[in-house]
Amino acid sequence: MASMFIAVVCLLMGVFLRKLGRLPAGADRTVAGVVIQLSAPPVSFMAARTMPFSPEMLLPASMAWIVFAAGFA
């Protein structure tokens, strides 16, 4: 919940600074990107902590490695 609060505060701060003219024209996209980069990992880690470990999860978890290895084949 705290990461969502920080995300909203950062977005509002970016809008406020843009209205004051303190930020250049493309800065809103940069601020939004930073907010996403900061808030996405904690949300995904919170979801992963509650996921049960089972054999069915091995294939989805290893897909990144399978695709990486297929790139060299």
N, C-alpha and C. Protein backbone atom coordinates (compact mmCIF):
# COMPACT_ATOMS: atom_id res chain seq x y z
N MET A 1 0.82 -1.19 0.00
CA MET A 1 0.00 0.00 0.00
C MET A 1 0.86 1.25 0.00
N ALA A 2 2.00 1.18 0.66
CA ALA A 2 2.88 2.34 0.72
C ALA A 2 3.44 2.68 -0.65
N SER A 3 3.72 1.65 -1.48
CA SER A 3 4.25 1.93 -2.81
C SER A 3 3.21 2.62 -3.68
N MET A 4 1.94 2.27 -3.49
CA MET A 4 0.89 2.95 -4.24
C MET A 4 0.78 4.42 -3.81
N PHE A 5 0.93 4.67 -2.52
CA PHE A 5 0.90 6.03 -2.02
C PHE A 5 2.05 6.84 -2.60
N ILE A 6 3.24 6.25 -2.63
CA ILE A 6 4.40 6.93 -3.19
C ILE A 6 4.20 7.19 -4.68
N ALA A 7 3.62 6.22 -5.38
CA ALA A 7 3.38 6.39 -6.81
C ALA A 7 2.43 7.56 -7.08
N VAL A 8 1.36 7.64 -6.32
CA VAL A 8 0.39 8.71 -6.51
C VAL A 8 1.02 10.06 -6.16
N VAL A 9 1.77 10.11 -5.08
CA VAL A 9 2.43 11.37 -4.68
C VAL A 9 3.41 11.82 -5.75
N CYS A 10 4.19 10.90 -6.29
CA CYS A 10 5.15 11.27 -7.34
C CYS A 10 4.45 11.75 -8.60
N LEU A 11 3.37 11.09 -8.98
CA LEU A 11 2.64 11.53 -10.16
C LEU A 11 2.04 12.92 -9.96
N LEU A 12 1.45 13.15 -8.80
CA LEU A 12 0.88 14.46 -8.52
C LEU A 12 1.96 15.54 -8.45
N MET A 13 3.11 15.19 -7.90
CA MET A 13 4.21 16.13 -7.83
C MET A 13 4.70 16.48 -9.24
N GLY A 14 4.75 15.50 -10.13
CA GLY A 14 5.13 15.76 -11.51
C GLY A 14 4.15 16.67 -12.22
N VAL A 15 2.87 16.44 -12.00
CA VAL A 15 1.85 17.31 -12.62
C VAL A 15 1.97 18.73 -12.07
N PHE A 16 2.16 18.85 -10.77
CA PHE A 16 2.28 20.16 -10.14
C PHE A 16 3.50 20.92 -10.65
N LEU A 17 4.64 20.25 -10.74
CA LEU A 17 5.85 20.90 -11.23
C LEU A 17 5.73 21.28 -12.70
N ARG A 18 5.03 20.49 -13.46
CA ARG A 18 4.82 20.81 -14.88
C ARG A 18 3.94 22.05 -15.01
N LYS A 19 2.92 22.15 -14.19
CA LYS A 19 2.03 23.32 -14.24
C LYS A 19 2.79 24.59 -13.85
N LEU A 20 3.76 24.48 -12.94
CA LEU A 20 4.56 25.63 -12.54
C LEU A 20 5.59 26.01 -13.59
N GLY A 21 5.83 25.14 -14.55
CA GLY A 21 6.82 25.41 -15.58
C GLY A 21 8.23 25.06 -15.17
N ARG A 22 8.40 24.30 -14.12
CA ARG A 22 9.72 23.91 -13.64
C ARG A 22 10.32 22.74 -14.43
N LEU A 23 9.48 21.99 -15.12
CA LEU A 23 9.94 20.83 -15.86
C LEU A 23 9.80 21.06 -17.35
N PRO A 24 10.68 20.48 -18.17
CA PRO A 24 10.54 20.59 -19.62
C PRO A 24 9.33 19.80 -20.13
N ALA A 25 9.07 19.93 -21.41
CA ALA A 25 7.84 19.37 -21.99
C ALA A 25 7.75 17.86 -21.86
N GLY A 26 8.82 17.10 -21.99
CA GLY A 26 8.74 15.64 -21.95
C GLY A 26 8.99 15.04 -20.59
N ALA A 27 9.09 15.87 -19.58
CA ALA A 27 9.44 15.37 -18.25
C ALA A 27 8.33 14.53 -17.61
N ASP A 28 7.09 14.75 -17.99
CA ASP A 28 6.01 13.97 -17.39
C ASP A 28 6.14 12.49 -17.73
N ARG A 29 6.61 12.21 -18.92
CA ARG A 29 6.82 10.80 -19.30
C ARG A 29 7.97 10.20 -18.50
N THR A 30 9.00 11.00 -18.26
CA THR A 30 10.14 10.51 -17.48
C THR A 30 9.73 10.25 -16.04
N VAL A 31 8.97 11.16 -15.46
CA VAL A 31 8.51 10.98 -14.08
C VAL A 31 7.61 9.74 -13.98
N ALA A 32 6.72 9.56 -14.95
CA ALA A 32 5.84 8.39 -14.95
C ALA A 32 6.65 7.11 -15.09
N GLY A 33 7.70 7.12 -15.92
CA GLY A 33 8.54 5.95 -16.07
C GLY A 33 9.29 5.61 -14.79
N VAL A 34 9.77 6.63 -14.11
CA VAL A 34 10.47 6.40 -12.84
C VAL A 34 9.51 5.82 -11.80
N VAL A 35 8.31 6.34 -11.76
CA VAL A 35 7.32 5.84 -10.81
C VAL A 35 7.00 4.38 -11.08
N ILE A 36 6.85 4.03 -12.35
CA ILE A 36 6.56 2.64 -12.70
C ILE A 36 7.75 1.75 -12.34
N GLN A 37 8.96 2.22 -12.61
CA GLN A 37 10.15 1.43 -12.28
C GLN A 37 10.31 1.23 -10.78
N LEU A 38 9.86 2.18 -9.99
CA LEU A 38 9.99 2.07 -8.54
C LEU A 38 8.86 1.27 -7.89
N SER A 39 7.67 1.31 -8.47
CA SER A 39 6.55 0.65 -7.81
C SER A 39 6.23 -0.74 -8.35
N ALA A 40 6.66 -1.08 -9.55
CA ALA A 40 6.34 -2.40 -10.11
C ALA A 40 7.05 -3.54 -9.39
N PRO A 41 8.35 -3.45 -9.11
CA PRO A 41 8.99 -4.59 -8.42
C PRO A 41 8.40 -4.93 -7.05
N PRO A 42 8.12 -3.96 -6.18
CA PRO A 42 7.53 -4.35 -4.90
C PRO A 42 6.17 -5.03 -5.05
N VAL A 43 5.37 -4.58 -6.00
CA VAL A 43 4.05 -5.19 -6.20
C VAL A 43 4.20 -6.62 -6.70
N SER A 44 5.14 -6.86 -7.63
CA SER A 44 5.32 -8.22 -8.13
C SER A 44 5.92 -9.13 -7.06
N PHE A 45 6.83 -8.62 -6.23
CA PHE A 45 7.38 -9.44 -5.16
C PHE A 45 6.33 -9.77 -4.11
N MET A 46 5.42 -8.86 -3.84
CA MET A 46 4.34 -9.15 -2.89
C MET A 46 3.45 -10.26 -3.43
N ALA A 47 3.17 -10.25 -4.73
CA ALA A 47 2.35 -11.30 -5.33
C ALA A 47 3.09 -12.63 -5.34
N ALA A 48 4.40 -12.60 -5.58
CA ALA A 48 5.18 -13.84 -5.63
C ALA A 48 5.31 -14.48 -4.26
N ARG A 49 5.30 -13.71 -3.22
CA ARG A 49 5.41 -14.27 -1.87
C ARG A 49 4.22 -15.14 -1.50
N THR A 50 3.05 -14.81 -2.01
CA THR A 50 1.84 -15.56 -1.66
C THR A 50 1.55 -16.71 -2.62
N MET A 51 2.34 -16.85 -3.68
CA MET A 51 2.11 -17.90 -4.66
C MET A 51 2.59 -19.24 -4.12
N PRO A 52 1.79 -20.28 -4.23
CA PRO A 52 2.25 -21.60 -3.77
C PRO A 52 3.26 -22.19 -4.76
N PHE A 53 4.26 -22.88 -4.25
CA PHE A 53 5.24 -23.54 -5.12
C PHE A 53 4.72 -24.92 -5.48
N SER A 54 4.64 -25.19 -6.77
CA SER A 54 4.18 -26.48 -7.25
C SER A 54 4.89 -26.82 -8.56
N PRO A 55 4.85 -28.08 -8.98
CA PRO A 55 5.52 -28.46 -10.23
C PRO A 55 4.98 -27.74 -11.47
N GLU A 56 3.73 -27.33 -11.43
CA GLU A 56 3.15 -26.63 -12.58
C GLU A 56 3.81 -25.27 -12.79
N MET A 57 4.43 -24.73 -11.77
CA MET A 57 5.04 -23.40 -11.87
C MET A 57 6.44 -23.44 -12.48
N LEU A 58 7.02 -24.63 -12.66
CA LEU A 58 8.37 -24.72 -13.20
C LEU A 58 8.46 -24.26 -14.65
N LEU A 59 7.51 -24.62 -15.48
CA LEU A 59 7.56 -24.21 -16.88
C LEU A 59 7.42 -22.70 -17.04
N PRO A 60 6.41 -22.05 -16.45
CA PRO A 60 6.35 -20.59 -16.59
C PRO A 60 7.57 -19.88 -16.00
N ALA A 61 8.10 -20.41 -14.91
CA ALA A 61 9.25 -19.78 -14.28
C ALA A 61 10.51 -19.93 -15.13
N SER A 62 10.61 -20.99 -15.90
CA SER A 62 11.81 -21.23 -16.71
C SER A 62 11.67 -20.73 -18.14
N MET A 63 10.56 -20.13 -18.52
CA MET A 63 10.37 -19.68 -19.89
C MET A 63 11.39 -18.64 -20.32
N ALA A 64 11.80 -17.74 -19.44
CA ALA A 64 12.81 -16.75 -19.82
C ALA A 64 14.11 -17.43 -20.21
N TRP A 65 14.51 -18.45 -19.45
CA TRP A 65 15.74 -19.17 -19.77
C TRP A 65 15.59 -19.99 -21.05
N ILE A 66 14.42 -20.55 -21.28
CA ILE A 66 14.18 -21.34 -22.49
C ILE A 66 14.26 -20.44 -23.72
N VAL A 67 13.64 -19.28 -23.67
CA VAL A 67 13.69 -18.34 -24.80
C VAL A 67 15.11 -17.82 -25.00
N PHE A 68 15.82 -17.56 -23.90
CA PHE A 68 17.21 -17.11 -24.01
C PHE A 68 18.08 -18.17 -24.67
N ALA A 69 17.90 -19.43 -24.27
CA ALA A 69 18.68 -20.51 -24.88
C ALA A 69 18.30 -20.73 -26.34
N ALA A 70 17.03 -20.56 -26.67
CA ALA A 70 16.59 -20.73 -28.06
C ALA A 70 17.18 -19.65 -28.97
N GLY A 71 17.52 -18.52 -28.40
CA GLY A 71 18.13 -17.46 -29.21
C GLY A 71 19.52 -17.81 -29.70
N PHE A 72 20.21 -18.71 -29.00
CA PHE A 72 21.54 -19.13 -29.41
C PHE A 72 21.52 -20.38 -30.29
N ALA A 73 20.38 -21.02 -30.41
CA ALA A 73 20.30 -22.26 -31.19
C ALA A 73 20.19 -21.97 -32.68
